[in-house]
PDB file of N, CA and C in Angstrom:
ATOM      1  N   UNK A   1      -5.360 -26.515  30.937  1.00  0.00           N
ATOM      2  CA  UNK A   1      -6.306 -27.526  30.511  1.00  0.00           C
ATOM      3  C   UNK A   1      -5.545 -28.780  30.079  1.00  0.00           C
ATOM      4  N   UNK A   2      -5.930 -29.923  30.616  1.00  0.00           N
ATOM      5  CA  UNK A   2      -5.327 -31.202  30.235  1.00  0.00           C
ATOM      6  C   UNK A   2      -6.008 -31.681  28.963  1.00  0.00           C
ATOM      7  N   UNK A   3      -5.198 -32.075  27.987  1.00  0.00           N
ATOM      8  CA  UNK A   3      -5.755 -32.511  26.705  1.00  0.00           C
ATOM      9  C   UNK A   3      -5.565 -34.001  26.427  1.00  0.00           C
ATOM     10  N   UNK A   4      -4.588 -34.634  27.075  1.00  0.00           N
ATOM     11  CA  UNK A   4      -4.377 -36.070  26.868  1.00  0.00           C
ATOM     12  C   UNK A   4      -3.358 -36.577  27.877  1.00  0.00           C
ATOM     13  N   UNK A   5      -3.158 -37.878  27.911  1.00  0.00           N
ATOM     14  CA  UNK A   5      -2.097 -38.479  28.715  1.00  0.00           C
ATOM     15  C   UNK A   5      -0.860 -38.551  27.833  1.00  0.00           C
ATOM     16  N   UNK A   6       0.232 -37.946  28.270  1.00  0.00           N
ATOM     17  CA  UNK A   6       1.459 -37.925  27.467  1.00  0.00           C
ATOM     18  C   UNK A   6       2.118 -39.301  27.425  1.00  0.00           C
ATOM     19  N   UNK A   7       2.226 -39.955  28.585  1.00  0.00           N
ATOM     20  CA  UNK A   7       2.798 -41.294  28.631  1.00  0.00           C
ATOM     21  C   UNK A   7       2.461 -41.947  29.963  1.00  0.00           C
ATOM     22  N   UNK A   8       2.581 -43.255  29.989  1.00  0.00           N
ATOM     23  CA  UNK A   8       2.521 -44.055  31.203  1.00  0.00           C
ATOM     24  C   UNK A   8       3.873 -44.733  31.307  1.00  0.00           C
ATOM     25  N   UNK A   9       4.457 -44.770  32.514  1.00  0.00           N
ATOM     26  CA  UNK A   9       5.790 -45.370  32.680  1.00  0.00           C
ATOM     27  C   UNK A   9       5.794 -46.343  33.844  1.00  0.00           C
ATOM     28  N   UNK A  10       6.506 -47.452  33.658  1.00  0.00           N
ATOM     29  CA  UNK A  10       6.747 -48.412  34.731  1.00  0.00           C
ATOM     30  C   UNK A  10       8.236 -48.419  35.053  1.00  0.00           C
ATOM     31  N   UNK A  11       8.573 -48.357  36.341  1.00  0.00           N
ATOM     32  CA  UNK A  11       9.965 -48.551  36.723  1.00  0.00           C
ATOM     33  C   UNK A  11      10.305 -50.039  36.644  1.00  0.00           C
ATOM     34  N   UNK A  12      11.501 -50.344  36.157  1.00  0.00           N
ATOM     35  CA  UNK A  12      11.962 -51.728  36.061  1.00  0.00           C
ATOM     36  C   UNK A  12      13.356 -51.824  36.671  1.00  0.00           C
ATOM     37  N   UNK A  13      13.702 -53.002  37.150  1.00  0.00           N
ATOM     38  CA  UNK A  13      15.002 -53.173  37.802  1.00  0.00           C
ATOM     39  C   UNK A  13      16.100 -53.597  36.841  1.00  0.00           C
ATOM     40  N   UNK A  14      15.725 -54.207  35.718  1.00  0.00           N
ATOM     41  CA  UNK A  14      16.699 -54.716  34.768  1.00  0.00           C
ATOM     42  C   UNK A  14      16.183 -54.438  33.357  1.00  0.00           C
ATOM     43  N   UNK A  15      16.794 -53.492  32.662  1.00  0.00           N
ATOM     44  CA  UNK A  15      16.288 -53.066  31.355  1.00  0.00           C
ATOM     45  C   UNK A  15      16.334 -54.197  30.330  1.00  0.00           C
ATOM     46  N   UNK A  16      17.390 -54.968  30.290  1.00  0.00           N
ATOM     47  CA  UNK A  16      17.488 -56.048  29.307  1.00  0.00           C
ATOM     48  C   UNK A  16      16.362 -57.058  29.496  1.00  0.00           C
ATOM     49  N   UNK A  17      16.131 -57.458  30.729  1.00  0.00           N
ATOM     50  CA  UNK A  17      15.061 -58.420  31.038  1.00  0.00           C
ATOM     51  C   UNK A  17      13.686 -57.815  30.718  1.00  0.00           C
ATOM     52  N   UNK A  18      13.491 -56.542  31.084  1.00  0.00           N
ATOM     53  CA  UNK A  18      12.210 -55.877  30.831  1.00  0.00           C
ATOM     54  C   UNK A  18      11.950 -55.741  29.331  1.00  0.00           C
ATOM     55  N   UNK A  19      12.973 -55.324  28.580  1.00  0.00           N
ATOM     56  CA  UNK A  19      12.799 -55.188  27.128  1.00  0.00           C
ATOM     57  C   UNK A  19      12.497 -56.532  26.491  1.00  0.00           C
ATOM     58  N   UNK A  20      13.133 -57.593  26.946  1.00  0.00           N
ATOM     59  CA  UNK A  20      12.843 -58.923  26.405  1.00  0.00           C
ATOM     60  C   UNK A  20      11.374 -59.263  26.622  1.00  0.00           C
ATOM     61  N   UNK A  21      10.854 -58.942  27.802  1.00  0.00           N
ATOM     62  CA  UNK A  21       9.449 -59.219  28.086  1.00  0.00           C
ATOM     63  C   UNK A  21       8.532 -58.368  27.220  1.00  0.00           C
ATOM     64  N   UNK A  22       8.696 -57.059  27.243  1.00  0.00           N
ATOM     65  CA  UNK A  22       7.774 -56.171  26.528  1.00  0.00           C
ATOM     66  C   UNK A  22       7.877 -56.312  25.005  1.00  0.00           C
ATOM     67  N   UNK A  23       9.044 -56.602  24.493  1.00  0.00           N
ATOM     68  CA  UNK A  23       9.220 -56.705  23.042  1.00  0.00           C
ATOM     69  C   UNK A  23       9.002 -58.126  22.519  1.00  0.00           C
ATOM     70  N   UNK A  24       9.591 -59.105  23.162  1.00  0.00           N
ATOM     71  CA  UNK A  24       9.540 -60.464  22.631  1.00  0.00           C
ATOM     72  C   UNK A  24       8.347 -61.262  23.134  1.00  0.00           C
ATOM     73  N   UNK A  25       7.894 -60.982  24.353  1.00  0.00           N
ATOM     74  CA  UNK A  25       6.738 -61.697  24.882  1.00  0.00           C
ATOM     75  C   UNK A  25       5.445 -60.980  24.500  1.00  0.00           C
ATOM     76  N   UNK A  26       5.360 -59.663  24.791  1.00  0.00           N
ATOM     77  CA  UNK A  26       4.145 -58.914  24.469  1.00  0.00           C
ATOM     78  C   UNK A  26       4.099 -58.436  23.023  1.00  0.00           C
ATOM     79  N   UNK A  27       5.248 -58.285  22.384  1.00  0.00           N
ATOM     80  CA  UNK A  27       5.283 -57.887  20.974  1.00  0.00           C
ATOM     81  C   UNK A  27       5.257 -56.388  20.728  1.00  0.00           C
ATOM     82  N   UNK A  28       5.651 -55.578  21.726  1.00  0.00           N
ATOM     83  CA  UNK A  28       5.700 -54.126  21.514  1.00  0.00           C
ATOM     84  C   UNK A  28       6.947 -53.756  20.708  1.00  0.00           C
ATOM     85  N   UNK A  29       6.876 -52.609  20.004  1.00  0.00           N
ATOM     86  CA  UNK A  29       7.988 -52.150  19.175  1.00  0.00           C
ATOM     87  C   UNK A  29       8.504 -50.820  19.715  1.00  0.00           C
ATOM     88  N   UNK A  30       9.823 -50.722  19.880  1.00  0.00           N
ATOM     89  CA  UNK A  30      10.456 -49.523  20.422  1.00  0.00           C
ATOM     90  C   UNK A  30      10.233 -48.345  19.473  1.00  0.00           C
ATOM     91  N   UNK A  31       9.810 -47.228  20.046  1.00  0.00           N
ATOM     92  CA  UNK A  31       9.685 -46.002  19.264  1.00  0.00           C
ATOM     93  C   UNK A  31      10.772 -45.002  19.650  1.00  0.00           C
ATOM     94  N   UNK A  32      11.338 -45.154  20.862  1.00  0.00           N
ATOM     95  CA  UNK A  32      12.396 -44.244  21.317  1.00  0.00           C
ATOM     96  C   UNK A  32      13.187 -44.938  22.414  1.00  0.00           C
ATOM     97  N   UNK A  33      14.509 -44.794  22.374  1.00  0.00           N
ATOM     98  CA  UNK A  33      15.383 -45.379  23.388  1.00  0.00           C
ATOM     99  C   UNK A  33      16.420 -44.341  23.793  1.00  0.00           C
ATOM    100  N   UNK A  34      16.374 -43.915  25.046  1.00  0.00           N
ATOM    101  CA  UNK A  34      17.355 -42.967  25.553  1.00  0.00           C
ATOM    102  C   UNK A  34      18.358 -43.704  26.422  1.00  0.00           C
ATOM    103  N   UNK A  35      19.516 -43.979  25.877  1.00  0.00           N
ATOM    104  CA  UNK A  35      20.667 -44.561  26.573  1.00  0.00           C
ATOM    105  C   UNK A  35      20.330 -45.822  27.370  1.00  0.00           C
ATOM    106  N   UNK A  36      19.371 -46.591  26.904  1.00  0.00           N
ATOM    107  CA  UNK A  36      18.947 -47.823  27.580  1.00  0.00           C
ATOM    108  C   UNK A  36      18.545 -47.627  29.039  1.00  0.00           C
ATOM    109  N   UNK A  37      18.147 -46.406  29.403  1.00  0.00           N
ATOM    110  CA  UNK A  37      17.582 -46.186  30.736  1.00  0.00           C
ATOM    111  C   UNK A  37      16.126 -45.731  30.651  1.00  0.00           C
ATOM    112  N   UNK A  38      15.678 -45.361  29.447  1.00  0.00           N
ATOM    113  CA  UNK A  38      14.296 -44.947  29.201  1.00  0.00           C
ATOM    114  C   UNK A  38      13.917 -45.429  27.797  1.00  0.00           C
ATOM    115  N   UNK A  39      12.961 -46.337  27.718  1.00  0.00           N
ATOM    116  CA  UNK A  39      12.548 -46.906  26.435  1.00  0.00           C
ATOM    117  C   UNK A  39      11.043 -46.695  26.275  1.00  0.00           C
ATOM    118  N   UNK A  40      10.652 -46.167  25.111  1.00  0.00           N
ATOM    119  CA  UNK A  40       9.252 -45.886  24.848  1.00  0.00           C
ATOM    120  C   UNK A  40       8.696 -46.774  23.749  1.00  0.00           C
ATOM    121  N   UNK A  41       7.399 -47.054  23.877  1.00  0.00           N
ATOM    122  CA  UNK A  41       6.633 -47.818  22.895  1.00  0.00           C
ATOM    123  C   UNK A  41       5.384 -47.004  22.585  1.00  0.00           C
ATOM    124  N   UNK A  42       5.227 -46.534  21.340  1.00  0.00           N
ATOM    125  CA  UNK A  42       4.029 -45.795  20.946  1.00  0.00           C
ATOM    126  C   UNK A  42       2.926 -46.778  20.606  1.00  0.00           C
ATOM    127  N   UNK A  43       1.746 -46.505  21.161  1.00  0.00           N
ATOM    128  CA  UNK A  43       0.610 -47.406  20.990  1.00  0.00           C
ATOM    129  C   UNK A  43      -0.646 -46.600  20.699  1.00  0.00           C
ATOM    130  N   UNK A  44      -1.033 -46.524  19.453  1.00  0.00           N
ATOM    131  CA  UNK A  44      -2.295 -45.915  19.087  1.00  0.00           C
ATOM    132  C   UNK A  44      -2.571 -44.548  19.685  1.00  0.00           C
ATOM    133  N   UNK A  45      -1.651 -43.633  19.581  1.00  0.00           N
ATOM    134  CA  UNK A  45      -1.865 -42.282  20.077  1.00  0.00           C
ATOM    135  C   UNK A  45      -1.417 -42.045  21.502  1.00  0.00           C
ATOM    136  N   UNK A  46      -0.902 -43.058  22.171  1.00  0.00           N
ATOM    137  CA  UNK A  46      -0.348 -42.873  23.515  1.00  0.00           C
ATOM    138  C   UNK A  46       1.008 -43.560  23.582  1.00  0.00           C
ATOM    139  N   UNK A  47       1.714 -43.340  24.665  1.00  0.00           N
ATOM    140  CA  UNK A  47       3.052 -43.899  24.817  1.00  0.00           C
ATOM    141  C   UNK A  47       3.154 -44.639  26.147  1.00  0.00           C
ATOM    142  N   UNK A  48       3.733 -45.828  26.094  1.00  0.00           N
ATOM    143  CA  UNK A  48       4.067 -46.606  27.281  1.00  0.00           C
ATOM    144  C   UNK A  48       5.582 -46.637  27.359  1.00  0.00           C
ATOM    145  N   UNK A  49       6.139 -46.389  28.545  1.00  0.00           N
ATOM    146  CA  UNK A  49       7.592 -46.369  28.712  1.00  0.00           C
ATOM    147  C   UNK A  49       8.006 -47.249  29.885  1.00  0.00           C
ATOM    148  N   UNK A  50       9.259 -47.710  29.821  1.00  0.00           N
ATOM    149  CA  UNK A  50       9.888 -48.398  30.949  1.00  0.00           C
ATOM    150  C   UNK A  50      11.196 -47.684  31.244  1.00  0.00           C
ATOM    151  N   UNK A  51      11.587 -47.678  32.527  1.00  0.00           N
ATOM    152  CA  UNK A  51      12.810 -46.972  32.878  1.00  0.00           C
ATOM    153  C   UNK A  51      13.514 -47.624  34.063  1.00  0.00           C
ATOM    154  N   UNK A  52      14.834 -47.532  34.041  1.00  0.00           N
ATOM    155  CA  UNK A  52      15.636 -47.931  35.201  1.00  0.00           C
ATOM    156  C   UNK A  52      16.109 -46.699  35.963  1.00  0.00           C
ATOM    157  N   UNK A  53      15.716 -45.518  35.496  1.00  0.00           N
ATOM    158  CA  UNK A  53      16.074 -44.274  36.172  1.00  0.00           C
ATOM    159  C   UNK A  53      15.334 -44.192  37.497  1.00  0.00           C
ATOM    160  N   UNK A  54      16.034 -43.873  38.559  1.00  0.00           N
ATOM    161  CA  UNK A  54      15.399 -43.737  39.870  1.00  0.00           C
ATOM    162  C   UNK A  54      14.555 -42.477  39.889  1.00  0.00           C
ATOM    163  N   UNK A  55      13.249 -42.658  39.801  1.00  0.00           N
ATOM    164  CA  UNK A  55      12.315 -41.538  39.814  1.00  0.00           C
ATOM    165  C   UNK A  55      11.496 -41.550  41.103  1.00  0.00           C
ATOM    166  N   UNK A  56      12.008 -42.231  42.123  1.00  0.00           N
ATOM    167  CA  UNK A  56      11.285 -42.325  43.380  1.00  0.00           C
ATOM    168  C   UNK A  56      10.226 -43.410  43.392  1.00  0.00           C
ATOM    169  N   UNK A  57      10.247 -44.299  42.401  1.00  0.00           N
ATOM    170  CA  UNK A  57       9.273 -45.381  42.321  1.00  0.00           C
ATOM    171  C   UNK A  57      10.013 -46.711  42.335  1.00  0.00           C
ATOM    172  N   UNK A  58       9.458 -47.680  43.018  1.00  0.00           N
ATOM    173  CA  UNK A  58      10.063 -48.998  43.128  1.00  0.00           C
ATOM    174  C   UNK A  58       9.441 -49.947  42.110  1.00  0.00           C
ATOM    175  N   UNK A  59      10.257 -50.655  41.327  1.00  0.00           N
ATOM    176  CA  UNK A  59       9.703 -51.629  40.389  1.00  0.00           C
ATOM    177  C   UNK A  59       8.802 -52.626  41.112  1.00  0.00           C
ATOM    178  N   UNK A  60       7.667 -52.907  40.510  1.00  0.00           N
ATOM    179  CA  UNK A  60       6.741 -53.884  41.065  1.00  0.00           C
ATOM    180  C   UNK A  60       5.837 -53.356  42.163  1.00  0.00           C
ATOM    181  N   UNK A  61       5.990 -52.097  42.557  1.00  0.00           N
ATOM    182  CA  UNK A  61       5.125 -51.524  43.575  1.00  0.00           C
ATOM    183  C   UNK A  61       3.706 -51.475  43.040  1.00  0.00           C
ATOM    184  N   UNK A  62       2.759 -51.891  43.835  1.00  0.00           N
ATOM    185  CA  UNK A  62       1.370 -51.913  43.375  1.00  0.00           C
ATOM    186  C   UNK A  62       0.811 -50.492  43.402  1.00  0.00           C
ATOM    187  N   UNK A  63       0.348 -50.051  42.259  1.00  0.00           N
ATOM    188  CA  UNK A  63      -0.214 -48.717  42.112  1.00  0.00           C
ATOM    189  C   UNK A  63      -1.007 -48.683  40.825  1.00  0.00           C
ATOM    190  N   UNK A  64      -0.807 -47.661  40.034  1.00  0.00           N
ATOM    191  CA  UNK A  64      -1.511 -47.556  38.755  1.00  0.00           C
ATOM    192  C   UNK A  64      -1.159 -48.746  37.869  1.00  0.00           C
ATOM    193  N   UNK A  65      -2.086 -49.097  36.996  1.00  0.00           N
ATOM    194  CA  UNK A  65      -1.908 -50.242  36.100  1.00  0.00           C
ATOM    195  C   UNK A  65      -2.166 -49.806  34.674  1.00  0.00           C
ATOM    196  N   UNK A  66      -1.310 -50.209  33.759  1.00  0.00           N
ATOM    197  CA  UNK A  66      -1.544 -49.947  32.343  1.00  0.00           C
ATOM    198  C   UNK A  66      -2.455 -51.048  31.802  1.00  0.00           C
ATOM    199  N   UNK A  67      -3.331 -50.686  30.880  1.00  0.00           N
ATOM    200  CA  UNK A  67      -4.202 -51.651  30.212  1.00  0.00           C
ATOM    201  C   UNK A  67      -3.943 -51.562  28.717  1.00  0.00           C
ATOM    202  N   UNK A  68      -3.534 -52.673  28.116  1.00  0.00           N
ATOM    203  CA  UNK A  68      -3.283 -52.727  26.682  1.00  0.00           C
ATOM    204  C   UNK A  68      -4.497 -53.345  25.995  1.00  0.00           C
ATOM    205  N   UNK A  69      -5.062 -52.617  25.023  1.00  0.00           N
ATOM    206  CA  UNK A  69      -6.179 -53.131  24.217  1.00  0.00           C
ATOM    207  C   UNK A  69      -5.624 -54.105  23.181  1.00  0.00           C
ATOM    208  N   UNK A  70      -6.274 -55.259  23.030  1.00  0.00           N
ATOM    209  CA  UNK A  70      -5.866 -56.252  22.041  1.00  0.00           C
ATOM    210  C   UNK A  70      -7.028 -56.543  21.103  1.00  0.00           C
ATOM    211  N   UNK A  71      -6.728 -57.033  19.920  1.00  0.00           N
ATOM    212  CA  UNK A  71      -7.779 -57.319  18.947  1.00  0.00           C
ATOM    213  C   UNK A  71      -8.478 -58.643  19.240  1.00  0.00           C
ATOM    214  N   UNK A  72      -7.771 -59.617  19.826  1.00  0.00           N
ATOM    215  CA  UNK A  72      -8.345 -60.931  20.129  1.00  0.00           C
ATOM    216  C   UNK A  72      -7.834 -61.355  21.509  1.00  0.00           C
ATOM    217  N   UNK A  73      -8.660 -61.139  22.518  1.00  0.00           N
ATOM    218  CA  UNK A  73      -8.241 -61.408  23.893  1.00  0.00           C
ATOM    219  C   UNK A  73      -7.892 -62.878  24.108  1.00  0.00           C
ATOM    220  N   UNK A  74      -8.750 -63.777  23.645  1.00  0.00           N
ATOM    221  CA  UNK A  74      -8.501 -65.205  23.884  1.00  0.00           C
ATOM    222  C   UNK A  74      -7.186 -65.664  23.260  1.00  0.00           C
ATOM    223  N   UNK A  75      -6.913 -65.225  22.041  1.00  0.00           N
ATOM    224  CA  UNK A  75      -5.663 -65.608  21.377  1.00  0.00           C
ATOM    225  C   UNK A  75      -4.456 -65.023  22.109  1.00  0.00           C
ATOM    226  N   UNK A  76      -4.562 -63.765  22.564  1.00  0.00           N
ATOM    227  CA  UNK A  76      -3.445 -63.144  23.256  1.00  0.00           C
ATOM    228  C   UNK A  76      -3.198 -63.822  24.598  1.00  0.00           C
ATOM    229  N   UNK A  77      -4.255 -64.128  25.337  1.00  0.00           N
ATOM    230  CA  UNK A  77      -4.114 -64.830  26.616  1.00  0.00           C
ATOM    231  C   UNK A  77      -3.462 -66.183  26.389  1.00  0.00           C
ATOM    232  N   UNK A  78      -3.886 -66.906  25.370  1.00  0.00           N
ATOM    233  CA  UNK A  78      -3.290 -68.208  25.072  1.00  0.00           C
ATOM    234  C   UNK A  78      -1.791 -68.074  24.775  1.00  0.00           C
ATOM    235  N   UNK A  79      -1.426 -67.045  24.001  1.00  0.00           N
ATOM    236  CA  UNK A  79      -0.017 -66.816  23.696  1.00  0.00           C
ATOM    237  C   UNK A  79       0.778 -66.540  24.970  1.00  0.00           C
ATOM    238  N   UNK A  80       0.205 -65.758  25.897  1.00  0.00           N
ATOM    239  CA  UNK A  80       0.896 -65.456  27.150  1.00  0.00           C
ATOM    240  C   UNK A  80       1.078 -66.720  27.980  1.00  0.00           C
ATOM    241  N   UNK A  81       0.080 -67.582  27.998  1.00  0.00           N
ATOM    242  CA  UNK A  81       0.196 -68.847  28.738  1.00  0.00           C
ATOM    243  C   UNK A  81       1.267 -69.744  28.123  1.00  0.00           C
ATOM    244  N   UNK A  82       1.315 -69.775  26.795  1.00  0.00           N
ATOM    245  CA  UNK A  82       2.352 -70.564  26.116  1.00  0.00           C
ATOM    246  C   UNK A  82       3.742 -70.037  26.434  1.00  0.00           C
ATOM    247  N   UNK A  83       3.839 -68.740  26.698  1.00  0.00           N
ATOM    248  CA  UNK A  83       5.126 -68.121  27.009  1.00  0.00           C
ATOM    249  C   UNK A  83       5.382 -68.063  28.520  1.00  0.00           C
ATOM    250  N   UNK A  84       4.588 -68.782  29.286  1.00  0.00           N
ATOM    251  CA  UNK A  84       4.744 -68.930  30.738  1.00  0.00           C
ATOM    252  C   UNK A  84       4.699 -67.598  31.490  1.00  0.00           C
ATOM    253  N   UNK A  85       3.888 -66.668  31.001  1.00  0.00           N
ATOM    254  CA  UNK A  85       3.703 -65.391  31.685  1.00  0.00           C
ATOM    255  C   UNK A  85       2.852 -65.634  32.924  1.00  0.00           C
ATOM    256  N   UNK A  86       3.195 -64.961  34.015  1.00  0.00           N
ATOM    257  CA  UNK A  86       2.463 -65.097  35.268  1.00  0.00           C
ATOM    258  C   UNK A  86       1.145 -64.323  35.210  1.00  0.00           C
ATOM    259  N   UNK A  87       0.039 -65.009  35.529  1.00  0.00           N
ATOM    260  CA  UNK A  87      -1.285 -64.388  35.555  1.00  0.00           C
ATOM    261  C   UNK A  87      -1.662 -64.024  36.985  1.00  0.00           C
ATOM    262  N   UNK A  88      -2.086 -62.778  37.167  1.00  0.00           N
ATOM    263  CA  UNK A  88      -2.605 -62.308  38.451  1.00  0.00           C
ATOM    264  C   UNK A  88      -4.087 -62.647  38.514  1.00  0.00           C
ATOM    265  N   UNK A  89      -4.788 -62.422  37.397  1.00  0.00           N
ATOM    266  CA  UNK A  89      -6.224 -62.681  37.287  1.00  0.00           C
ATOM    267  C   UNK A  89      -6.510 -63.297  35.922  1.00  0.00           C
ATOM    268  N   UNK A  90      -7.187 -64.419  35.922  1.00  0.00           N
ATOM    269  CA  UNK A  90      -7.601 -65.045  34.664  1.00  0.00           C
ATOM    270  C   UNK A  90      -8.649 -64.175  33.987  1.00  0.00           C
ATOM    271  N   UNK A  91      -8.962 -64.476  32.753  1.00  0.00           N
ATOM    272  CA  UNK A  91      -9.928 -63.706  31.968  1.00  0.00           C
ATOM    273  C   UNK A  91     -11.278 -63.639  32.684  1.00  0.00           C
ATOM    274  N   UNK A  92     -11.832 -62.422  32.705  1.00  0.00           N
ATOM    275  CA  UNK A  92     -13.173 -62.228  33.275  1.00  0.00           C
ATOM    276  C   UNK A  92     -13.903 -61.161  32.480  1.00  0.00           C
ATOM    277  N   UNK A  93     -15.229 -61.151  32.631  1.00  0.00           N
ATOM    278  CA  UNK A  93     -16.090 -60.232  31.902  1.00  0.00           C
ATOM    279  C   UNK A  93     -16.597 -59.125  32.808  1.00  0.00           C
ATOM    280  N   UNK A  94     -16.784 -57.946  32.206  1.00  0.00           N
ATOM    281  CA  UNK A  94     -17.471 -56.835  32.854  1.00  0.00           C
ATOM    282  C   UNK A  94     -18.572 -56.397  31.882  1.00  0.00           C
ATOM    283  N   UNK A  95     -19.421 -55.482  32.269  1.00  0.00           N
ATOM    284  CA  UNK A  95     -20.457 -55.029  31.331  1.00  0.00           C
ATOM    285  C   UNK A  95     -19.899 -54.363  30.066  1.00  0.00           C
ATOM    286  N   UNK A  96     -18.686 -53.834  30.107  1.00  0.00           N
ATOM    287  CA  UNK A  96     -18.142 -53.119  28.943  1.00  0.00           C
ATOM    288  C   UNK A  96     -16.951 -53.803  28.289  1.00  0.00           C
ATOM    289  N   UNK A  97     -16.377 -54.841  28.928  1.00  0.00           N
ATOM    290  CA  UNK A  97     -15.162 -55.435  28.364  1.00  0.00           C
ATOM    291  C   UNK A  97     -14.910 -56.822  28.936  1.00  0.00           C
ATOM    292  N   UNK A  98     -13.847 -57.445  28.390  1.00  0.00           N
ATOM    293  CA  UNK A  98     -13.265 -58.668  28.944  1.00  0.00           C
ATOM    294  C   UNK A  98     -11.804 -58.356  29.184  1.00  0.00           C
ATOM    295  N   UNK A  99     -11.219 -58.939  30.233  1.00  0.00           N
ATOM    296  CA  UNK A  99      -9.819 -58.666  30.517  1.00  0.00           C
ATOM    297  C   UNK A  99      -9.196 -59.760  31.358  1.00  0.00           C
ATOM    298  N   UNK A 100      -7.868 -59.729  31.395  1.00  0.00           N
ATOM    299  CA  UNK A 100      -7.059 -60.568  32.268  1.00  0.00           C
ATOM    300  C   UNK A 100      -5.907 -59.694  32.745  1.00  0.00           C
ATOM    301  N   UNK A 101      -5.275 -60.091  33.845  1.00  0.00           N
ATOM    302  CA  UNK A 101      -4.157 -59.307  34.384  1.00  0.00           C
ATOM    303  C   UNK A 101      -2.941 -60.218  34.502  1.00  0.00           C
ATOM    304  N   UNK A 102      -1.815 -59.752  33.922  1.00  0.00           N
ATOM    305  CA  UNK A 102      -0.555 -60.483  33.972  1.00  0.00           C
ATOM    306  C   UNK A 102       0.485 -59.640  34.709  1.00  0.00           C
ATOM    307  N   UNK A 103       1.669 -60.220  34.924  1.00  0.00           N
ATOM    308  CA  UNK A 103       2.767 -59.500  35.565  1.00  0.00           C
ATOM    309  C   UNK A 103       3.989 -59.498  34.669  1.00  0.00           C
ATOM    310  N   UNK A 104       4.741 -58.380  34.700  1.00  0.00           N
ATOM    311  CA  UNK A 104       6.040 -58.359  34.035  1.00  0.00           C
ATOM    312  C   UNK A 104       7.065 -58.970  34.990  1.00  0.00           C
ATOM    313  N   UNK A 105       8.326 -59.097  34.589  1.00  0.00           N
ATOM    314  CA  UNK A 105       9.321 -59.735  35.450  1.00  0.00           C
ATOM    315  C   UNK A 105       9.554 -59.031  36.797  1.00  0.00           C
ATOM    316  N   UNK A 106       9.191 -57.745  36.917  1.00  0.00           N
ATOM    317  CA  UNK A 106       9.334 -57.028  38.188  1.00  0.00           C
ATOM    318  C   UNK A 106       8.070 -57.080  39.037  1.00  0.00           C
ATOM    319  N   UNK A 107       7.020 -57.700  38.526  1.00  0.00           N
ATOM    320  CA  UNK A 107       5.771 -57.768  39.268  1.00  0.00           C
ATOM    321  C   UNK A 107       4.809 -56.625  38.981  1.00  0.00           C
ATOM    322  N   UNK A 108       5.144 -55.750  38.007  1.00  0.00           N
ATOM    323  CA  UNK A 108       4.207 -54.713  37.589  1.00  0.00           C
ATOM    324  C   UNK A 108       3.006 -55.384  36.926  1.00  0.00           C
ATOM    325  N   UNK A 109       1.803 -54.980  37.300  1.00  0.00           N
ATOM    326  CA  UNK A 109       0.600 -55.555  36.712  1.00  0.00           C
ATOM    327  C   UNK A 109       0.290 -54.910  35.370  1.00  0.00           C
ATOM    328  N   UNK A 110      -0.162 -55.736  34.424  1.00  0.00           N
ATOM    329  CA  UNK A 110      -0.538 -55.298  33.083  1.00  0.00           C
ATOM    330  C   UNK A 110      -1.900 -55.906  32.771  1.00  0.00           C
ATOM    331  N   UNK A 111      -2.869 -55.052  32.497  1.00  0.00           N
ATOM    332  CA  UNK A 111      -4.182 -55.542  32.109  1.00  0.00           C
ATOM    333  C   UNK A 111      -4.206 -55.735  30.599  1.00  0.00           C
ATOM    334  N   UNK A 112      -4.655 -56.906  30.171  1.00  0.00           N
ATOM    335  CA  UNK A 112      -4.866 -57.192  28.757  1.00  0.00           C
ATOM    336  C   UNK A 112      -6.373 -57.076  28.554  1.00  0.00           C
ATOM    337  N   UNK A 113      -6.790 -56.197  27.663  1.00  0.00           N
ATOM    338  CA  UNK A 113      -8.162 -55.704  27.629  1.00  0.00           C
ATOM    339  C   UNK A 113      -8.773 -55.789  26.231  1.00  0.00           C
ATOM    340  N   UNK A 114     -10.075 -56.114  26.177  1.00  0.00           N
ATOM    341  CA  UNK A 114     -10.828 -56.105  24.919  1.00  0.00           C
ATOM    342  C   UNK A 114     -12.214 -55.547  25.185  1.00  0.00           C
ATOM    343  N   UNK A 115     -12.504 -54.385  24.585  1.00  0.00           N
ATOM    344  CA  UNK A 115     -13.832 -53.800  24.718  1.00  0.00           C
ATOM    345  C   UNK A 115     -14.858 -54.668  23.998  1.00  0.00           C
ATOM    346  N   UNK A 116     -16.091 -54.739  24.556  1.00  0.00           N
ATOM    347  CA  UNK A 116     -17.180 -55.418  23.850  1.00  0.00           C
ATOM    348  C   UNK A 116     -17.515 -54.614  22.604  1.00  0.00           C
ATOM    349  N   UNK A 117     -17.885 -55.285  21.561  1.00  0.00           N
ATOM    350  CA  UNK A 117     -18.243 -54.616  20.309  1.00  0.00           C
ATOM    351  C   UNK A 117     -19.544 -53.877  20.423  1.00  0.00           C
TER     352      UNK A 117
END
């Protein structure tokens, strides 16, 4: 029986560049670092990881997408624009949420998400 998602991981080509993006641009905090080839960020009961370990996945390959919930979507989007982050999709509304899609330095897509109250 599956009880939860243990982690989501993105392959990256350059750990230093990726960590600068996820930590300094997005503001994530490292919860675990294994020899600078696997870095984890705990987020509200789940874990997001980045790795340079060859796991058969190519950085930037279009596939699954992580969605990070934010408390203020408009403010976060504005901060990303100020930091010259590349936008795949500008902010849009759905019946249950608002979101925008950005890219990390390897081209991995990241959804920035805010559920409707």
